[in-house]
Amino acid sequence: MTQRKLVFFTTADPRADTGPFFRAYHFANVASKQGIEAEVRLAGSAVEVANLDVLPNTEAGDEIRNKIRESIDAPFDVTF
């Protein structure tokens, strides 16, 4: 049996664009809830999202904060 992992990769700057983060965390959550191994991989400026205060104080910033908090106990990896 071949085992595969879905990797959601982003290098976006969280101060400028929260969309890639929302999609990465969202789809990693969806995959892991279906028993599919998943990972969110952050590179470059994207590692700044580890500090939730970096995100803008907007509706989009709040949505990604909530998505990240929802992911804390999810069975997928987040790597830098």
PDB file of N, CA and C in Angstrom:
ATOM      1  N   MET A   1       0.843  -1.182   0.000  1.00  0.00           N
ATOM      2  CA  MET A   1       0.000   0.000   0.000  1.00  0.00           C
ATOM      3  C   MET A   1       0.888   1.244   0.000  1.00  0.00           C
ATOM      4  N   THR A   2       0.609   2.169  -0.887  1.00  0.00           N
ATOM      5  CA  THR A   2       1.342   3.425  -0.949  1.00  0.00           C
ATOM      6  C   THR A   2       0.706   4.423   0.009  1.00  0.00           C
ATOM      7  N   GLN A   3       1.537   5.024   0.839  1.00  0.00           N
ATOM      8  CA  GLN A   3       1.036   6.033   1.768  1.00  0.00           C
ATOM      9  C   GLN A   3       1.468   7.402   1.273  1.00  0.00           C
ATOM     10  N   ARG A   4       0.535   8.346   1.275  1.00  0.00           N
ATOM     11  CA  ARG A   4       0.824   9.683   0.786  1.00  0.00           C
ATOM     12  C   ARG A   4       0.440  10.710   1.831  1.00  0.00           C
ATOM     13  N   LYS A   5       1.054  11.864   1.712  1.00  0.00           N
ATOM     14  CA  LYS A   5       0.778  12.968   2.621  1.00  0.00           C
ATOM     15  C   LYS A   5       0.465  14.204   1.784  1.00  0.00           C
ATOM     16  N   LEU A   6      -0.583  14.915   2.152  1.00  0.00           N
ATOM     17  CA  LEU A   6      -0.887  16.188   1.515  1.00  0.00           C
ATOM     18  C   LEU A   6      -0.089  17.275   2.226  1.00  0.00           C
ATOM     19  N   VAL A   7       0.657  18.054   1.458  1.00  0.00           N
ATOM     20  CA  VAL A   7       1.441  19.146   2.025  1.00  0.00           C
ATOM     21  C   VAL A   7       0.899  20.445   1.447  1.00  0.00           C
ATOM     22  N   PHE A   8       0.480  21.332   2.343  1.00  0.00           N
ATOM     23  CA  PHE A   8      -0.024  22.640   1.947  1.00  0.00           C
ATOM     24  C   PHE A   8       1.065  23.658   2.273  1.00  0.00           C
ATOM     25  N   PHE A   9       1.680  24.201   1.236  1.00  0.00           N
ATOM     26  CA  PHE A   9       2.886  25.021   1.354  1.00  0.00           C
ATOM     27  C   PHE A   9       2.546  26.479   1.080  1.00  0.00           C
ATOM     28  N   THR A  10       3.035  27.367   1.938  1.00  0.00           N
ATOM     29  CA  THR A  10       2.842  28.795   1.685  1.00  0.00           C
ATOM     30  C   THR A  10       4.076  29.584   2.100  1.00  0.00           C
ATOM     31  N   THR A  11       4.340  30.637   1.345  1.00  0.00           N
ATOM     32  CA  THR A  11       5.415  31.568   1.673  1.00  0.00           C
ATOM     33  C   THR A  11       4.861  32.980   1.827  1.00  0.00           C
ATOM     34  N   ALA A  12       3.542  33.119   1.863  1.00  0.00           N
ATOM     35  CA  ALA A  12       2.906  34.434   1.902  1.00  0.00           C
ATOM     36  C   ALA A  12       3.276  35.200   3.167  1.00  0.00           C
ATOM     37  N   ASP A  13       3.246  36.500   3.063  1.00  0.00           N
ATOM     38  CA  ASP A  13       3.472  37.371   4.217  1.00  0.00           C
ATOM     39  C   ASP A  13       2.130  37.542   4.927  1.00  0.00           C
ATOM     40  N   PRO A  14       2.002  37.089   6.175  1.00  0.00           N
ATOM     41  CA  PRO A  14       0.714  37.138   6.861  1.00  0.00           C
ATOM     42  C   PRO A  14       0.200  38.554   7.105  1.00  0.00           C
ATOM     43  N   ARG A  15       1.089  39.527   7.059  1.00  0.00           N
ATOM     44  CA  ARG A  15       0.649  40.915   7.233  1.00  0.00           C
ATOM     45  C   ARG A  15      -0.075  41.423   5.990  1.00  0.00           C
ATOM     46  N   ALA A  16       0.223  40.821   4.845  1.00  0.00           N
ATOM     47  CA  ALA A  16      -0.316  41.310   3.580  1.00  0.00           C
ATOM     48  C   ALA A  16      -1.446  40.451   3.018  1.00  0.00           C
ATOM     49  N   ASP A  17      -1.404  39.139   3.254  1.00  0.00           N
ATOM     50  CA  ASP A  17      -2.384  38.243   2.634  1.00  0.00           C
ATOM     51  C   ASP A  17      -2.617  37.025   3.515  1.00  0.00           C
ATOM     52  N   THR A  18      -3.786  36.953   4.128  1.00  0.00           N
ATOM     53  CA  THR A  18      -4.107  35.826   5.009  1.00  0.00           C
ATOM     54  C   THR A  18      -4.739  34.654   4.265  1.00  0.00           C
ATOM     55  N   GLY A  19      -5.135  34.865   3.015  1.00  0.00           N
ATOM     56  CA  GLY A  19      -5.817  33.818   2.258  1.00  0.00           C
ATOM     57  C   GLY A  19      -5.065  32.506   2.161  1.00  0.00           C
ATOM     58  N   PRO A  20      -3.770  32.531   1.796  1.00  0.00           N
ATOM     59  CA  PRO A  20      -3.048  31.263   1.696  1.00  0.00           C
ATOM     60  C   PRO A  20      -2.995  30.492   3.019  1.00  0.00           C
ATOM     61  N   PHE A  21      -2.905  31.210   4.130  1.00  0.00           N
ATOM     62  CA  PHE A  21      -2.881  30.549   5.439  1.00  0.00           C
ATOM     63  C   PHE A  21      -4.220  29.915   5.744  1.00  0.00           C
ATOM     64  N   PHE A  22      -5.288  30.658   5.501  1.00  0.00           N
ATOM     65  CA  PHE A  22      -6.615  30.126   5.756  1.00  0.00           C
ATOM     66  C   PHE A  22      -6.829  28.844   4.966  1.00  0.00           C
ATOM     67  N   ARG A  23      -6.497  28.876   3.680  1.00  0.00           N
ATOM     68  CA  ARG A  23      -6.697  27.684   2.837  1.00  0.00           C
ATOM     69  C   ARG A  23      -5.822  26.518   3.290  1.00  0.00           C
ATOM     70  N   ALA A  24      -4.570  26.787   3.626  1.00  0.00           N
ATOM     71  CA  ALA A  24      -3.673  25.710   4.062  1.00  0.00           C
ATOM     72  C   ALA A  24      -4.196  25.048   5.329  1.00  0.00           C
ATOM     73  N   TYR A  25      -4.523  25.849   6.334  1.00  0.00           N
ATOM     74  CA  TYR A  25      -5.023  25.278   7.586  1.00  0.00           C
ATOM     75  C   TYR A  25      -6.391  24.628   7.391  1.00  0.00           C
ATOM     76  N   HIS A  26      -7.240  25.242   6.591  1.00  0.00           N
ATOM     77  CA  HIS A  26      -8.569  24.673   6.348  1.00  0.00           C
ATOM     78  C   HIS A  26      -8.473  23.289   5.712  1.00  0.00           C
ATOM     79  N   PHE A  27      -7.716  23.198   4.616  1.00  0.00           N
ATOM     80  CA  PHE A  27      -7.654  21.921   3.907  1.00  0.00           C
ATOM     81  C   PHE A  27      -6.865  20.867   4.678  1.00  0.00           C
ATOM     82  N   ALA A  28      -5.891  21.275   5.472  1.00  0.00           N
ATOM     83  CA  ALA A  28      -5.193  20.303   6.325  1.00  0.00           C
ATOM     84  C   ALA A  28      -6.154  19.749   7.373  1.00  0.00           C
ATOM     85  N   ASN A  29      -7.006  20.609   7.924  1.00  0.00           N
ATOM     86  CA  ASN A  29      -8.024  20.142   8.870  1.00  0.00           C
ATOM     87  C   ASN A  29      -8.997  19.183   8.201  1.00  0.00           C
ATOM     88  N   VAL A  30      -9.473  19.548   7.025  1.00  0.00           N
ATOM     89  CA  VAL A  30     -10.423  18.685   6.300  1.00  0.00           C
ATOM     90  C   VAL A  30      -9.784  17.329   6.020  1.00  0.00           C
ATOM     91  N   ALA A  31      -8.557  17.336   5.517  1.00  0.00           N
ATOM     92  CA  ALA A  31      -7.876  16.079   5.195  1.00  0.00           C
ATOM     93  C   ALA A  31      -7.692  15.218   6.437  1.00  0.00           C
ATOM     94  N   SER A  32      -7.195  15.826   7.515  1.00  0.00           N
ATOM     95  CA  SER A  32      -6.915  15.038   8.717  1.00  0.00           C
ATOM     96  C   SER A  32      -8.185  14.456   9.330  1.00  0.00           C
ATOM     97  N   LYS A  33      -9.291  15.190   9.230  1.00  0.00           N
ATOM     98  CA  LYS A  33     -10.560  14.666   9.743  1.00  0.00           C
ATOM     99  C   LYS A  33     -11.049  13.471   8.928  1.00  0.00           C
ATOM    100  N   GLN A  34     -10.550  13.339   7.687  1.00  0.00           N
ATOM    101  CA  GLN A  34     -10.905  12.199   6.840  1.00  0.00           C
ATOM    102  C   GLN A  34      -9.862  11.087   6.924  1.00  0.00           C
ATOM    103  N   GLY A  35      -8.887  11.251   7.833  1.00  0.00           N
ATOM    104  CA  GLY A  35      -7.871  10.222   8.012  1.00  0.00           C
ATOM    105  C   GLY A  35      -6.726  10.293   7.024  1.00  0.00           C
ATOM    106  N   ILE A  36      -6.608  11.415   6.326  1.00  0.00           N
ATOM    107  CA  ILE A  36      -5.520  11.595   5.368  1.00  0.00           C
ATOM    108  C   ILE A  36      -4.401  12.375   6.049  1.00  0.00           C
ATOM    109  N   GLU A  37      -3.186  11.879   5.944  1.00  0.00           N
ATOM    110  CA  GLU A  37      -2.052  12.558   6.553  1.00  0.00           C
ATOM    111  C   GLU A  37      -1.836  13.896   5.854  1.00  0.00           C
ATOM    112  N   ALA A  38      -1.651  14.954   6.638  1.00  0.00           N
ATOM    113  CA  ALA A  38      -1.507  16.295   6.078  1.00  0.00           C
ATOM    114  C   ALA A  38      -0.453  17.081   6.847  1.00  0.00           C
ATOM    115  N   GLU A  39       0.020  18.122   6.195  1.00  0.00           N
ATOM    116  CA  GLU A  39       1.018  19.001   6.805  1.00  0.00           C
ATOM    117  C   GLU A  39       0.837  20.401   6.238  1.00  0.00           C
ATOM    118  N   VAL A  40       0.969  21.410   7.094  1.00  0.00           N
ATOM    119  CA  VAL A  40       1.061  22.797   6.656  1.00  0.00           C
ATOM    120  C   VAL A  40       2.532  23.158   6.753  1.00  0.00           C
ATOM    121  N   ARG A  41       3.101  23.596   5.640  1.00  0.00           N
ATOM    122  CA  ARG A  41       4.525  23.937   5.606  1.00  0.00           C
ATOM    123  C   ARG A  41       4.655  25.430   5.340  1.00  0.00           C
ATOM    124  N   LEU A  42       5.318  26.122   6.260  1.00  0.00           N
ATOM    125  CA  LEU A  42       5.490  27.566   6.173  1.00  0.00           C
ATOM    126  C   LEU A  42       6.944  27.898   5.878  1.00  0.00           C
ATOM    127  N   ALA A  43       7.170  28.800   4.937  1.00  0.00           N
ATOM    128  CA  ALA A  43       8.534  29.180   4.578  1.00  0.00           C
ATOM    129  C   ALA A  43       8.606  30.687   4.371  1.00  0.00           C
ATOM    130  N   GLY A  44       9.808  31.219   4.447  1.00  0.00           N
ATOM    131  CA  GLY A  44      10.000  32.645   4.226  1.00  0.00           C
ATOM    132  C   GLY A  44       9.206  33.470   5.219  1.00  0.00           C
ATOM    133  N   SER A  45       8.541  34.494   4.736  1.00  0.00           N
ATOM    134  CA  SER A  45       7.748  35.378   5.597  1.00  0.00           C
ATOM    135  C   SER A  45       6.600  34.662   6.285  1.00  0.00           C
ATOM    136  N   ALA A  46       6.195  33.522   5.743  1.00  0.00           N
ATOM    137  CA  ALA A  46       5.055  32.791   6.295  1.00  0.00           C
ATOM    138  C   ALA A  46       5.287  32.344   7.733  1.00  0.00           C
ATOM    139  N   VAL A  47       6.531  32.153   8.152  1.00  0.00           N
ATOM    140  CA  VAL A  47       6.792  31.705   9.517  1.00  0.00           C
ATOM    141  C   VAL A  47       6.332  32.735  10.537  1.00  0.00           C
ATOM    142  N   GLU A  48       6.155  33.981  10.112  1.00  0.00           N
ATOM    143  CA  GLU A  48       5.679  35.029  11.018  1.00  0.00           C
ATOM    144  C   GLU A  48       4.284  34.739  11.554  1.00  0.00           C
ATOM    145  N   VAL A  49       3.515  33.882  10.860  1.00  0.00           N
ATOM    146  CA  VAL A  49       2.160  33.581  11.310  1.00  0.00           C
ATOM    147  C   VAL A  49       2.170  32.830  12.643  1.00  0.00           C
ATOM    148  N   ALA A  50       3.325  32.298  13.038  1.00  0.00           N
ATOM    149  CA  ALA A  50       3.430  31.642  14.346  1.00  0.00           C
ATOM    150  C   ALA A  50       3.165  32.633  15.473  1.00  0.00           C
ATOM    151  N   ASN A  51       3.378  33.912  15.205  1.00  0.00           N
ATOM    152  CA  ASN A  51       3.036  34.971  16.153  1.00  0.00           C
ATOM    153  C   ASN A  51       1.706  35.553  15.692  1.00  0.00           C
ATOM    154  N   LEU A  52       0.619  35.159  16.324  1.00  0.00           N
ATOM    155  CA  LEU A  52      -0.715  35.564  15.872  1.00  0.00           C
ATOM    156  C   LEU A  52      -0.918  37.070  15.919  1.00  0.00           C
ATOM    157  N   ASP A  53      -0.096  37.788  16.671  1.00  0.00           N
ATOM    158  CA  ASP A  53      -0.203  39.246  16.729  1.00  0.00           C
ATOM    159  C   ASP A  53       0.247  39.902  15.427  1.00  0.00           C
ATOM    160  N   VAL A  54       0.968  39.167  14.585  1.00  0.00           N
ATOM    161  CA  VAL A  54       1.440  39.694  13.304  1.00  0.00           C
ATOM    162  C   VAL A  54       0.275  39.850  12.327  1.00  0.00           C
ATOM    163  N   LEU A  55      -0.745  39.021  12.475  1.00  0.00           N
ATOM    164  CA  LEU A  55      -1.888  39.065  11.567  1.00  0.00           C
ATOM    165  C   LEU A  55      -2.628  40.390  11.712  1.00  0.00           C
ATOM    166  N   PRO A  56      -3.190  40.899  10.619  1.00  0.00           N
ATOM    167  CA  PRO A  56      -3.903  42.170  10.684  1.00  0.00           C
ATOM    168  C   PRO A  56      -5.142  42.068  11.563  1.00  0.00           C
ATOM    169  N   ASN A  57      -5.523  43.170  12.150  1.00  0.00           N
ATOM    170  CA  ASN A  57      -6.740  43.230  12.965  1.00  0.00           C
ATOM    171  C   ASN A  57      -7.924  43.525  12.059  1.00  0.00           C
ATOM    172  N   THR A  58      -8.233  42.527  11.240  1.00  0.00           N
ATOM    173  CA  THR A  58      -9.337  42.610  10.287  1.00  0.00           C
ATOM    174  C   THR A  58     -10.150  41.332  10.409  1.00  0.00           C
ATOM    175  N   GLU A  59     -11.257  41.286   9.687  1.00  0.00           N
ATOM    176  CA  GLU A  59     -12.068  40.062   9.686  1.00  0.00           C
ATOM    177  C   GLU A  59     -11.251  38.876   9.169  1.00  0.00           C
ATOM    178  N   ALA A  60     -10.463  39.107   8.111  1.00  0.00           N
ATOM    179  CA  ALA A  60      -9.631  38.029   7.560  1.00  0.00           C
ATOM    180  C   ALA A  60      -8.576  37.583   8.567  1.00  0.00           C
ATOM    181  N   GLY A  61      -7.978  38.533   9.277  1.00  0.00           N
ATOM    182  CA  GLY A  61      -6.995  38.182  10.303  1.00  0.00           C
ATOM    183  C   GLY A  61      -7.625  37.368  11.414  1.00  0.00           C
ATOM    184  N   ASP A  62      -8.829  37.760  11.820  1.00  0.00           N
ATOM    185  CA  ASP A  62      -9.544  37.011  12.863  1.00  0.00           C
ATOM    186  C   ASP A  62      -9.906  35.608  12.391  1.00  0.00           C
ATOM    187  N   GLU A  63     -10.282  35.481  11.118  1.00  0.00           N
ATOM    188  CA  GLU A  63     -10.633  34.155  10.586  1.00  0.00           C
ATOM    189  C   GLU A  63      -9.439  33.214  10.616  1.00  0.00           C
ATOM    190  N   ILE A  64      -8.259  33.690  10.241  1.00  0.00           N
ATOM    191  CA  ILE A  64      -7.095  32.796  10.256  1.00  0.00           C
ATOM    192  C   ILE A  64      -6.663  32.505  11.691  1.00  0.00           C
ATOM    193  N   ARG A  65      -6.782  33.477  12.602  1.00  0.00           N
ATOM    194  CA  ARG A  65      -6.492  33.183  14.020  1.00  0.00           C
ATOM    195  C   ARG A  65      -7.382  32.045  14.513  1.00  0.00           C
ATOM    196  N   ASN A  66      -8.671  32.125  14.194  1.00  0.00           N
ATOM    197  CA  ASN A  66      -9.605  31.070  14.610  1.00  0.00           C
ATOM    198  C   ASN A  66      -9.265  29.739  13.953  1.00  0.00           C
ATOM    199  N   LYS A  67      -8.883  29.774  12.668  1.00  0.00           N
ATOM    200  CA  LYS A  67      -8.541  28.533  11.963  1.00  0.00           C
ATOM    201  C   LYS A  67      -7.292  27.897  12.575  1.00  0.00           C
ATOM    202  N   ILE A  68      -6.316  28.715  12.939  1.00  0.00           N
ATOM    203  CA  ILE A  68      -5.095  28.192  13.569  1.00  0.00           C
ATOM    204  C   ILE A  68      -5.426  27.606  14.936  1.00  0.00           C
ATOM    205  N   ARG A  69      -6.236  28.306  15.723  1.00  0.00           N
ATOM    206  CA  ARG A  69      -6.625  27.784  17.042  1.00  0.00           C
ATOM    207  C   ARG A  69      -7.384  26.468  16.910  1.00  0.00           C
ATOM    208  N   GLU A  70      -8.248  26.381  15.897  1.00  0.00           N
ATOM    209  CA  GLU A  70      -8.995  25.146  15.633  1.00  0.00           C
ATOM    210  C   GLU A  70      -8.037  23.999  15.317  1.00  0.00           C
ATOM    211  N   SER A  71      -6.892  24.324  14.762  1.00  0.00           N
ATOM    212  CA  SER A  71      -5.929  23.321  14.310  1.00  0.00           C
ATOM    213  C   SER A  71      -4.990  22.827  15.396  1.00  0.00           C
ATOM    214  N   ILE A  72      -4.978  23.461  16.545  1.00  0.00           N
ATOM    215  CA  ILE A  72      -3.999  23.129  17.585  1.00  0.00           C
ATOM    216  C   ILE A  72      -4.047  21.651  17.955  1.00  0.00           C
ATOM    217  N   ASP A  73      -5.232  21.092  18.097  1.00  0.00           N
ATOM    218  CA  ASP A  73      -5.351  19.680  18.474  1.00  0.00           C
ATOM    219  C   ASP A  73      -5.569  18.760  17.272  1.00  0.00           C
ATOM    220  N   ALA A  74      -5.499  19.318  16.070  1.00  0.00           N
ATOM    221  CA  ALA A  74      -5.722  18.508  14.866  1.00  0.00           C
ATOM    222  C   ALA A  74      -4.517  17.603  14.622  1.00  0.00           C
ATOM    223  N   PRO A  75      -4.761  16.442  14.031  1.00  0.00           N
ATOM    224  CA  PRO A  75      -3.668  15.490  13.812  1.00  0.00           C
ATOM    225  C   PRO A  75      -2.879  15.762  12.522  1.00  0.00           C
ATOM    226  N   PHE A  76      -2.370  16.992  12.375  1.00  0.00           N
ATOM    227  CA  PHE A  76      -1.471  17.265  11.263  1.00  0.00           C
ATOM    228  C   PHE A  76      -0.316  18.126  11.740  1.00  0.00           C
ATOM    229  N   ASP A  77       0.767  18.079  10.987  1.00  0.00           N
ATOM    230  CA  ASP A  77       1.978  18.806  11.349  1.00  0.00           C
ATOM    231  C   ASP A  77       1.971  20.193  10.744  1.00  0.00           C
ATOM    232  N   VAL A  78       2.616  21.115  11.452  1.00  0.00           N
ATOM    233  CA  VAL A  78       2.936  22.428  10.906  1.00  0.00           C
ATOM    234  C   VAL A  78       4.442  22.545  11.011  1.00  0.00           C
ATOM    235  N   THR A  79       5.107  22.756   9.863  1.00  0.00           N
ATOM    236  CA  THR A  79       6.558  22.826   9.855  1.00  0.00           C
ATOM    237  C   THR A  79       7.010  24.170   9.310  1.00  0.00           C
ATOM    238  N   PHE A  80       8.210  24.561   9.731  1.00  0.00           N
ATOM    239  CA  PHE A  80       8.814  25.834   9.318  1.00  0.00           C
ATOM    240  C   PHE A  80      10.041  25.555   8.504  1.00  0.00           C
TER     241      PHE A  80
END
